[in-house]
């Protein structure tokens, strides 16, 4: 089977199919399970991580597909079912597109001379970013190759709210903890632009003393937002993740940078989620 190389990145990645299509800020799921029952299942023994793989070769043309989630997701049945639905959709799309590409290049005069044109790769991995009592916060990282010069990298995030729907639970976007993206940007922009500038300094080993921190600083809508809990109980840190091209060149790869939760950030947290946050010490 022919393989291809990717630029090294800190995590696997995501392209257009970052999560279930048309999913709103919150997705109802679960059938009458209390928050305590969900917590018991999360801590219970027997749950296993899921690592799904599907590979296929046609002559020299190859297609690889992989999808992973950790045991914490397996312990929440409706959450795992939702991710399985996303996985199956992504796999069906890859298979259909690959079949079409193989047929087109098989009919071409040069046959499979452009072998990389018909190689396909998709790998999505969910990792736990935070797991305080109420929420399970997940970072999704997807790596995709569709026959171009190099693969693509992207990120997304999901949370499971164990207390939503009277304890039945629900999936939501972390940004839904806040009034909206604009409100978070208005209160956090200066801090996270500085954090990004320092991350670029560390990675590129450049002098940033004369640089404007607002140059090339993306908006919140271009970033993945992950609330973190340093004490394992309440969110006191916000991590931002930028895919390649968002905060720098493709060669720079992705960036992760963090800021502390302060009074300004707390002021744009929706009232129903204020109790899940704490000021950073």
Protein backbone atom coordinates (compact mmCIF):
# COMPACT_ATOMS: atom_id res chain seq x y z
CA UNK A 1 0.00 0.00 0.00
CA UNK A 2 1.39 3.39 -0.90
CA UNK A 3 1.81 5.79 2.01
CA UNK A 4 2.32 9.51 2.12
CA UNK A 5 4.00 11.86 4.55
CA UNK A 6 2.45 14.64 6.62
CA UNK A 7 4.02 17.68 8.21
CA UNK A 8 4.51 16.86 11.89
CA UNK A 9 1.86 18.34 14.17
CA UNK A 10 1.19 18.16 17.86
CA UNK A 11 -2.15 16.34 17.45
CA UNK A 12 -4.10 14.58 14.68
CA UNK A 13 -6.60 16.89 12.74
CA UNK A 14 -9.98 17.90 11.15
CA UNK A 15 -11.21 19.21 7.80
CA UNK A 16 -14.69 20.28 6.73
CA UNK A 17 -16.50 17.46 8.52
CA UNK A 18 -15.55 18.65 11.98
CA UNK A 19 -18.73 17.45 13.71
CA UNK A 20 -22.32 16.53 12.90
CA UNK A 21 -23.61 18.91 10.23
CA UNK A 22 -26.10 21.55 11.21
CA UNK A 23 -25.48 20.91 14.92
CA UNK A 24 -26.47 23.91 17.00
CA UNK A 25 -24.90 25.15 20.20
CA UNK A 26 -26.66 22.42 22.14
CA UNK A 27 -27.84 18.94 21.14
CA UNK A 28 -30.37 17.12 23.33
CA UNK A 29 -29.48 13.48 24.01
CA UNK A 30 -29.96 10.81 26.65
CA UNK A 31 -33.00 9.09 28.05
CA UNK A 32 -33.87 9.95 31.63
CA UNK A 33 -30.43 9.44 33.17
CA UNK A 34 -29.59 11.61 36.15
CA UNK A 35 -26.36 13.54 36.46
CA UNK A 36 -25.28 11.20 39.28
CA UNK A 37 -26.02 8.14 37.15
CA UNK A 38 -23.99 9.62 34.32
CA UNK A 39 -21.14 10.30 36.75
CA UNK A 40 -21.34 6.74 38.09
CA UNK A 41 -21.14 5.34 34.60
CA UNK A 42 -18.22 7.65 33.79
CA UNK A 43 -16.30 6.36 36.78
CA UNK A 44 -17.44 2.76 36.38
CA UNK A 45 -15.20 -0.01 35.18
CA UNK A 46 -15.54 -1.71 31.82
CA UNK A 47 -15.66 1.23 29.43
CA UNK A 48 -13.07 1.05 26.71
CA UNK A 49 -11.67 3.59 24.25
CA UNK A 50 -12.82 3.11 20.67
CA UNK A 51 -10.29 2.98 17.86
CA UNK A 52 -11.99 2.33 14.54
CA UNK A 53 -10.02 1.68 11.33
CA UNK A 54 -11.09 1.01 7.76
CA UNK A 55 -8.54 0.50 4.98
CA UNK A 56 -8.82 -0.40 1.32
CA UNK A 57 -6.47 -0.73 -1.65
CA UNK A 58 -7.17 -0.89 -5.37
CA UNK A 59 -3.94 -1.57 -7.22
CA UNK A 60 -1.60 1.15 -6.01
CA UNK A 61 -4.46 3.41 -4.91
CA UNK A 62 -5.00 3.39 -1.15
CA UNK A 63 -7.63 4.65 1.28
CA UNK A 64 -7.13 4.81 5.05
CA UNK A 65 -9.70 5.88 7.65
CA UNK A 66 -9.35 6.05 11.44
CA UNK A 67 -11.53 7.43 14.23
CA UNK A 68 -10.81 7.43 17.97
CA UNK A 69 -12.50 8.44 21.21
CA UNK A 70 -11.41 7.75 24.82
CA UNK A 71 -13.10 5.65 27.49
CA UNK A 72 -14.68 8.74 29.08
CA UNK A 73 -16.86 9.08 25.97
CA UNK A 74 -17.70 5.37 25.91
CA UNK A 75 -19.07 5.79 29.43
CA UNK A 76 -21.67 8.26 28.11
CA UNK A 77 -23.73 6.18 25.70
CA UNK A 78 -25.59 8.98 23.88
CA UNK A 79 -22.36 10.94 23.42
CA UNK A 80 -20.63 7.88 21.97
CA UNK A 81 -23.63 7.25 19.70
CA UNK A 82 -23.44 10.81 18.39
CA UNK A 83 -19.74 10.49 17.58
CA UNK A 84 -20.35 7.11 15.96
CA UNK A 85 -22.90 8.77 13.69
CA UNK A 86 -20.36 11.43 12.72
CA UNK A 87 -17.75 8.72 12.10
CA UNK A 88 -20.04 6.70 9.87
CA UNK A 89 -20.97 9.78 7.85
CA UNK A 90 -17.31 10.75 7.35
CA UNK A 91 -16.43 7.19 6.31
CA UNK A 92 -19.27 7.01 3.79
CA UNK A 93 -18.20 10.34 2.28
CA UNK A 94 -14.57 9.24 2.01
CA UNK A 95 -15.52 5.94 0.36
CA UNK A 96 -17.77 7.64 -2.20
CA UNK A 97 -15.21 10.31 -3.08
CA UNK A 98 -12.38 7.74 -3.33
CA UNK A 99 -14.39 5.45 -5.59
CA UNK A 100 -15.08 8.36 -7.93
CA UNK A 101 -11.41 9.41 -7.98
CA UNK A 102 -10.17 5.87 -8.65
CA UNK A 103 -12.60 5.49 -11.54
CA UNK A 104 -11.63 8.84 -13.05
CA UNK A 105 -7.88 8.20 -12.93
CA UNK A 106 -8.21 4.59 -14.08
CA UNK A 107 -9.86 5.91 -17.24
CA UNK A 108 -7.20 8.59 -17.77
CA UNK A 109 -4.55 8.05 -20.45
CA UNK A 110 -1.72 7.96 -17.92
CA UNK A 111 -3.56 5.49 -15.69
CA UNK A 112 -2.22 5.60 -12.11
CA UNK A 113 0.87 7.65 -12.91
CA UNK A 114 -0.53 10.32 -10.57
CA UNK A 115 -0.83 7.82 -7.74
CA UNK A 116 -1.00 10.46 -5.01
CA UNK A 117 -4.10 11.85 -6.74
CA UNK A 118 -6.09 8.79 -5.70
CA UNK A 119 -4.69 8.23 -2.20
CA UNK A 120 -6.98 9.26 0.63
CA UNK A 121 -6.45 9.54 4.37
CA UNK A 122 -8.76 10.59 7.20
CA UNK A 123 -7.99 10.36 10.91
CA UNK A 124 -9.96 11.96 13.69
CA UNK A 125 -9.05 11.71 17.35
CA UNK A 126 -11.00 13.03 20.35
CA UNK A 127 -8.97 13.77 23.47
CA UNK A 128 -10.07 14.94 26.91
CA UNK A 129 -9.25 18.58 27.58
CA UNK A 130 -11.12 18.87 30.90
CA UNK A 131 -13.37 16.63 32.99
CA UNK A 132 -14.83 18.56 35.95
CA UNK A 133 -17.96 17.15 37.65
CA UNK A 134 -20.51 18.76 35.30
CA UNK A 135 -18.76 18.78 31.92
CA UNK A 136 -16.62 16.55 29.75
CA UNK A 137 -14.65 18.82 27.41
CA UNK A 138 -13.21 17.23 24.26
CA UNK A 139 -10.80 18.45 21.60
CA UNK A 140 -11.30 16.93 18.16
CA UNK A 141 -8.29 16.79 15.87
CA UNK A 142 -8.57 15.65 12.28
CA UNK A 143 -5.95 14.85 9.70
CA UNK A 144 -7.09 14.68 6.09
CA UNK A 145 -5.33 14.02 2.80
CA UNK A 146 -7.33 14.26 -0.43
CA UNK A 147 -4.70 14.06 -3.13
CA UNK A 148 -3.10 17.49 -2.96
CA UNK A 149 0.42 18.63 -2.17
CA UNK A 150 -0.01 17.96 1.54
CA UNK A 151 -2.57 17.03 4.14
CA UNK A 152 -4.82 19.46 5.99
CA UNK A 153 -5.24 19.99 9.70
CA UNK A 154 -8.12 21.39 11.69
CA UNK A 155 -9.64 21.24 15.15
CA UNK A 156 -13.03 21.38 16.80
CA UNK A 157 -14.44 20.98 20.30
CA UNK A 158 -17.46 19.44 21.98
CA UNK A 159 -18.66 19.25 25.57
CA UNK A 160 -21.05 16.93 27.35
CA UNK A 161 -23.18 18.70 29.95
CA UNK A 162 -24.16 16.04 32.49
CA UNK A 163 -26.79 18.27 34.11
CA UNK A 164 -28.66 19.32 30.95
CA UNK A 165 -32.15 18.02 30.20
CA UNK A 166 -32.84 17.31 33.88
CA UNK A 167 -29.85 15.01 34.13
CA UNK A 168 -30.28 13.27 30.79
CA UNK A 169 -27.29 15.16 29.43
CA UNK A 170 -26.60 17.05 26.22
CA UNK A 171 -23.75 17.84 23.87
CA UNK A 172 -22.85 21.47 23.26
CA UNK A 173 -20.14 23.67 21.82
CA UNK A 174 -17.85 25.18 24.48
CA UNK A 175 -18.41 28.64 22.98
CA UNK A 176 -22.07 28.25 24.05
CA UNK A 177 -20.93 28.81 27.65
CA UNK A 178 -20.53 32.47 26.71
CA UNK A 179 -23.01 35.10 25.58
CA UNK A 180 -21.56 34.83 22.06
CA UNK A 181 -18.24 34.85 20.18
CA UNK A 182 -18.20 38.63 19.89
CA UNK A 183 -18.65 39.11 23.64
CA UNK A 184 -15.77 36.74 24.40
CA UNK A 185 -13.56 38.43 21.82
CA UNK A 186 -14.33 41.89 23.20
CA UNK A 187 -13.19 40.83 26.67
CA UNK A 188 -10.32 38.45 25.87
CA UNK A 189 -8.80 39.73 22.62
CA UNK A 190 -5.85 41.63 24.05
CA UNK A 191 -4.90 38.81 26.42
CA UNK A 192 -5.08 36.00 23.89
CA UNK A 193 -3.33 38.00 21.17
CA UNK A 194 -0.43 38.48 23.59
CA UNK A 195 -0.47 34.77 24.46
CA UNK A 196 -0.41 33.89 20.75
CA UNK A 197 2.49 36.26 20.12
CA UNK A 198 4.45 34.59 22.90
CA UNK A 199 3.63 31.15 21.50
CA UNK A 200 4.95 32.22 18.10
CA UNK A 201 8.10 33.56 19.75
CA UNK A 202 8.71 30.22 21.47
CA UNK A 203 8.08 28.16 18.34
CA UNK A 204 9.89 30.35 15.81
CA UNK A 205 12.55 31.69 18.20
CA UNK A 206 11.98 35.27 17.11
CA UNK A 207 12.29 38.61 18.88
CA UNK A 208 8.78 39.93 19.59
CA UNK A 209 9.70 43.05 21.52
CA UNK A 210 9.01 45.34 18.55
CA UNK A 211 6.04 43.37 17.20
CA UNK A 212 2.40 44.44 17.50
CA UNK A 213 0.48 41.69 19.26
CA UNK A 214 -2.62 42.48 17.22
CA UNK A 215 -0.93 41.80 13.87
CA UNK A 216 -2.26 38.54 12.39
CA UNK A 217 -4.26 37.86 15.54
CA UNK A 218 -7.39 35.87 14.53
CA UNK A 219 -10.92 36.44 15.76
CA UNK A 220 -12.57 34.03 18.19
CA UNK A 221 -14.68 32.69 15.31
CA UNK A 222 -11.48 31.35 13.70
CA UNK A 223 -10.30 29.60 16.86
CA UNK A 224 -11.33 26.57 18.87
CA UNK A 225 -12.23 27.53 22.44
CA UNK A 226 -11.57 25.06 25.27
CA UNK A 227 -12.37 25.85 28.93
CA UNK A 228 -9.92 24.13 31.30
CA UNK A 229 -10.10 23.39 35.02
CA UNK A 230 -6.70 23.36 36.71
CA UNK A 231 -8.20 22.09 39.97
CA UNK A 232 -10.48 19.58 38.22
CA UNK A 233 -13.56 21.36 39.57
CA UNK A 234 -14.23 24.70 37.85
CA UNK A 235 -13.03 26.39 34.68
CA UNK A 236 -10.27 28.89 35.42
CA UNK A 237 -8.36 28.90 32.11
CA UNK A 238 -9.34 29.31 28.45
CA UNK A 239 -7.26 27.54 25.83
CA UNK A 240 -7.43 28.66 22.21
CA UNK A 241 -6.38 26.38 19.36
CA UNK A 242 -5.51 27.74 15.91
CA UNK A 243 -5.22 25.45 12.90
CA UNK A 244 -2.47 25.97 10.30
CA UNK A 245 -2.99 29.13 8.22
CA UNK A 246 -5.15 30.70 10.96
CA UNK A 247 -2.36 32.28 13.00
CA UNK A 248 0.63 31.69 10.74
CA UNK A 249 1.87 29.88 7.67
CA UNK A 250 1.19 26.21 7.02
CA UNK A 251 4.82 25.47 7.86
CA UNK A 252 4.32 26.93 11.36
CA UNK A 253 1.63 24.37 12.06
CA UNK A 254 -1.07 24.77 14.71
CA UNK A 255 -0.87 26.94 17.81
CA UNK A 256 -2.25 26.45 21.32
CA UNK A 257 -2.25 29.33 23.81
CA UNK A 258 -4.01 30.02 27.09
CA UNK A 259 -5.30 32.90 29.18
CA UNK A 260 -6.56 33.04 32.76
CA UNK A 261 -10.22 33.55 33.55
CA UNK A 262 -10.70 37.07 34.94
CA UNK A 263 -13.63 39.28 35.89
CA UNK A 264 -14.12 40.49 32.30
CA UNK A 265 -14.40 36.95 30.99
CA UNK A 266 -16.75 36.00 33.82
CA UNK A 267 -18.99 38.91 32.84
CA UNK A 268 -19.72 37.30 29.44
CA UNK A 269 -20.37 33.79 30.75
CA UNK A 270 -24.07 32.95 30.51
CA UNK A 271 -25.71 33.13 33.96
CA UNK A 272 -26.64 29.44 33.97
CA UNK A 273 -22.96 28.48 33.64
CA UNK A 274 -21.36 31.02 36.01
CA UNK A 275 -21.11 28.41 38.77
CA UNK A 276 -18.88 26.27 36.55
CA UNK A 277 -16.22 29.05 36.42
CA UNK A 278 -13.74 30.43 38.92
CA UNK A 279 -11.15 33.20 38.79
CA UNK A 280 -7.65 31.96 38.15
CA UNK A 281 -5.46 32.05 41.24
